[in-house]
């Protein structure tokens, strides 16, 4: 919940990134590629990475771009035993 509230406060592209990463992480869970508790970690890591490029007042093109970016980033994250992000 705290992550969702933080994304809402940040606004801009962060809320879309959170939603896209969550959808991808849930898909990965359903496909048995990650555990249930990994869903939150993938969303959190994706949002953390997005802070570097967040757009406060995005255009439609930027919204679409970051939606696709978040899905790709989340899909390519591999969690190590300490839950640090590792790009595939």
C-alpha atoms as a PDB file:
ATOM      1  CA  UNK A   1       0.000   0.000   0.000  1.00  0.00           C
ATOM      2  CA  UNK A   2       2.792   2.419   0.879  1.00  0.00           C
ATOM      3  CA  UNK A   3       4.324   1.996  -2.575  1.00  0.00           C
ATOM      4  CA  UNK A   4       1.007   2.776  -4.261  1.00  0.00           C
ATOM      5  CA  UNK A   5       0.520   5.881  -2.104  1.00  0.00           C
ATOM      6  CA  UNK A   6       4.069   7.009  -2.887  1.00  0.00           C
ATOM      7  CA  UNK A   7       3.452   6.548  -6.613  1.00  0.00           C
ATOM      8  CA  UNK A   8       0.238   8.532  -6.330  1.00  0.00           C
ATOM      9  CA  UNK A   9       2.037  11.359  -4.545  1.00  0.00           C
ATOM     10  CA  UNK A  10       4.814  11.329  -7.162  1.00  0.00           C
ATOM     11  CA  UNK A  11       2.233  11.444  -9.947  1.00  0.00           C
ATOM     12  CA  UNK A  12       3.299  11.770 -13.550  1.00  0.00           C
ATOM     13  CA  UNK A  13       4.471   8.580 -15.171  1.00  0.00           C
ATOM     14  CA  UNK A  14       5.079   6.827 -11.839  1.00  0.00           C
ATOM     15  CA  UNK A  15       1.493   5.607 -11.439  1.00  0.00           C
ATOM     16  CA  UNK A  16       1.476   4.044 -14.894  1.00  0.00           C
ATOM     17  CA  UNK A  17       4.843   2.423 -14.276  1.00  0.00           C
ATOM     18  CA  UNK A  18       3.584   0.964 -10.995  1.00  0.00           C
ATOM     19  CA  UNK A  19       0.494  -0.437 -12.712  1.00  0.00           C
ATOM     20  CA  UNK A  20       2.394  -1.870 -15.686  1.00  0.00           C
ATOM     21  CA  UNK A  21       5.060  -3.458 -13.473  1.00  0.00           C
ATOM     22  CA  UNK A  22       2.379  -4.970 -11.256  1.00  0.00           C
ATOM     23  CA  UNK A  23       0.533  -6.445 -14.242  1.00  0.00           C
ATOM     24  CA  UNK A  24       3.771  -7.969 -15.575  1.00  0.00           C
ATOM     25  CA  UNK A  25       4.790  -9.315 -12.152  1.00  0.00           C
ATOM     26  CA  UNK A  26       1.373 -10.934 -11.641  1.00  0.00           C
ATOM     27  CA  UNK A  27       1.656 -12.497 -15.103  1.00  0.00           C
ATOM     28  CA  UNK A  28       5.081 -13.853 -14.148  1.00  0.00           C
ATOM     29  CA  UNK A  29       3.625 -15.274 -10.920  1.00  0.00           C
ATOM     30  CA  UNK A  30       0.786 -16.958 -12.792  1.00  0.00           C
ATOM     31  CA  UNK A  31       3.359 -18.420 -15.199  1.00  0.00           C
ATOM     32  CA  UNK A  32       5.249 -19.722 -12.119  1.00  0.00           C
ATOM     33  CA  UNK A  33       8.382 -17.720 -12.996  1.00  0.00           C
ATOM     34  CA  UNK A  34       8.399 -15.915  -9.626  1.00  0.00           C
ATOM     35  CA  UNK A  35       6.956 -16.471  -6.172  1.00  0.00           C
ATOM     36  CA  UNK A  36       3.998 -14.561  -4.782  1.00  0.00           C
ATOM     37  CA  UNK A  37       6.132 -12.421  -2.485  1.00  0.00           C
ATOM     38  CA  UNK A  38       8.349 -11.453  -5.431  1.00  0.00           C
ATOM     39  CA  UNK A  39       5.498  -9.482  -7.021  1.00  0.00           C
ATOM     40  CA  UNK A  40       5.965  -6.560  -4.637  1.00  0.00           C
ATOM     41  CA  UNK A  41       9.752  -6.625  -4.993  1.00  0.00           C
ATOM     42  CA  UNK A  42       9.593  -6.473  -8.784  1.00  0.00           C
ATOM     43  CA  UNK A  43       7.152  -3.566  -8.662  1.00  0.00           C
ATOM     44  CA  UNK A  44       9.299  -1.776  -6.090  1.00  0.00           C
ATOM     45  CA  UNK A  45      12.528  -2.268  -8.059  1.00  0.00           C
ATOM     46  CA  UNK A  46      10.877  -1.077 -11.266  1.00  0.00           C
ATOM     47  CA  UNK A  47       9.498   2.061  -9.590  1.00  0.00           C
ATOM     48  CA  UNK A  48      12.865   2.753  -7.957  1.00  0.00           C
ATOM     49  CA  UNK A  49      14.614   2.561 -11.328  1.00  0.00           C
ATOM     50  CA  UNK A  50      11.969   4.805 -12.927  1.00  0.00           C
ATOM     51  CA  UNK A  51      12.666   7.644 -10.462  1.00  0.00           C
ATOM     52  CA  UNK A  52      15.665   8.528 -12.653  1.00  0.00           C
ATOM     53  CA  UNK A  53      13.426   9.291 -15.652  1.00  0.00           C
ATOM     54  CA  UNK A  54      10.026  10.151 -14.184  1.00  0.00           C
ATOM     55  CA  UNK A  55       8.046  12.723 -16.166  1.00  0.00           C
ATOM     56  CA  UNK A  56       5.786  14.962 -14.073  1.00  0.00           C
ATOM     57  CA  UNK A  57       3.460  16.074 -16.908  1.00  0.00           C
ATOM     58  CA  UNK A  58       3.744  13.360 -19.543  1.00  0.00           C
ATOM     59  CA  UNK A  59       2.373  13.399 -23.059  1.00  0.00           C
ATOM     60  CA  UNK A  60       0.370  10.408 -24.311  1.00  0.00           C
ATOM     61  CA  UNK A  61       3.481   9.170 -26.120  1.00  0.00           C
ATOM     62  CA  UNK A  62       5.500   9.331 -22.891  1.00  0.00           C
ATOM     63  CA  UNK A  63       2.793   7.468 -20.986  1.00  0.00           C
ATOM     64  CA  UNK A  64       2.810   4.699 -23.583  1.00  0.00           C
ATOM     65  CA  UNK A  65       6.619   4.647 -23.686  1.00  0.00           C
ATOM     66  CA  UNK A  66       6.975   4.231 -19.923  1.00  0.00           C
ATOM     67  CA  UNK A  67       4.190   1.646 -19.760  1.00  0.00           C
ATOM     68  CA  UNK A  68       6.091  -0.487 -22.260  1.00  0.00           C
ATOM     69  CA  UNK A  69       9.408   0.285 -20.540  1.00  0.00           C
ATOM     70  CA  UNK A  70       8.065  -0.849 -17.151  1.00  0.00           C
ATOM     71  CA  UNK A  71       6.727  -4.113 -18.557  1.00  0.00           C
ATOM     72  CA  UNK A  72      10.046  -4.847 -20.241  1.00  0.00           C
ATOM     73  CA  UNK A  73      12.131  -3.872 -17.208  1.00  0.00           C
ATOM     74  CA  UNK A  74       9.995  -5.955 -14.848  1.00  0.00           C
ATOM     75  CA  UNK A  75      10.044  -8.954 -17.196  1.00  0.00           C
ATOM     76  CA  UNK A  76      13.826  -8.880 -17.413  1.00  0.00           C
ATOM     77  CA  UNK A  77      14.502  -8.509 -13.710  1.00  0.00           C
ATOM     78  CA  UNK A  78      15.920 -11.577 -12.077  1.00  0.00           C
ATOM     79  CA  UNK A  79      15.905 -11.553  -8.305  1.00  0.00           C
ATOM     80  CA  UNK A  80      19.034 -12.740  -6.549  1.00  0.00           C
ATOM     81  CA  UNK A  81      18.904 -14.311  -3.122  1.00  0.00           C
ATOM     82  CA  UNK A  82      19.261 -10.875  -1.497  1.00  0.00           C
ATOM     83  CA  UNK A  83      16.560  -9.484  -3.800  1.00  0.00           C
ATOM     84  CA  UNK A  84      18.909  -7.127  -5.619  1.00  0.00           C
ATOM     85  CA  UNK A  85      17.970  -6.409  -9.235  1.00  0.00           C
ATOM     86  CA  UNK A  86      19.955  -8.204 -11.877  1.00  0.00           C
ATOM     87  CA  UNK A  87      19.216  -7.527 -15.522  1.00  0.00           C
ATOM     88  CA  UNK A  88      18.966 -10.644 -17.678  1.00  0.00           C
END
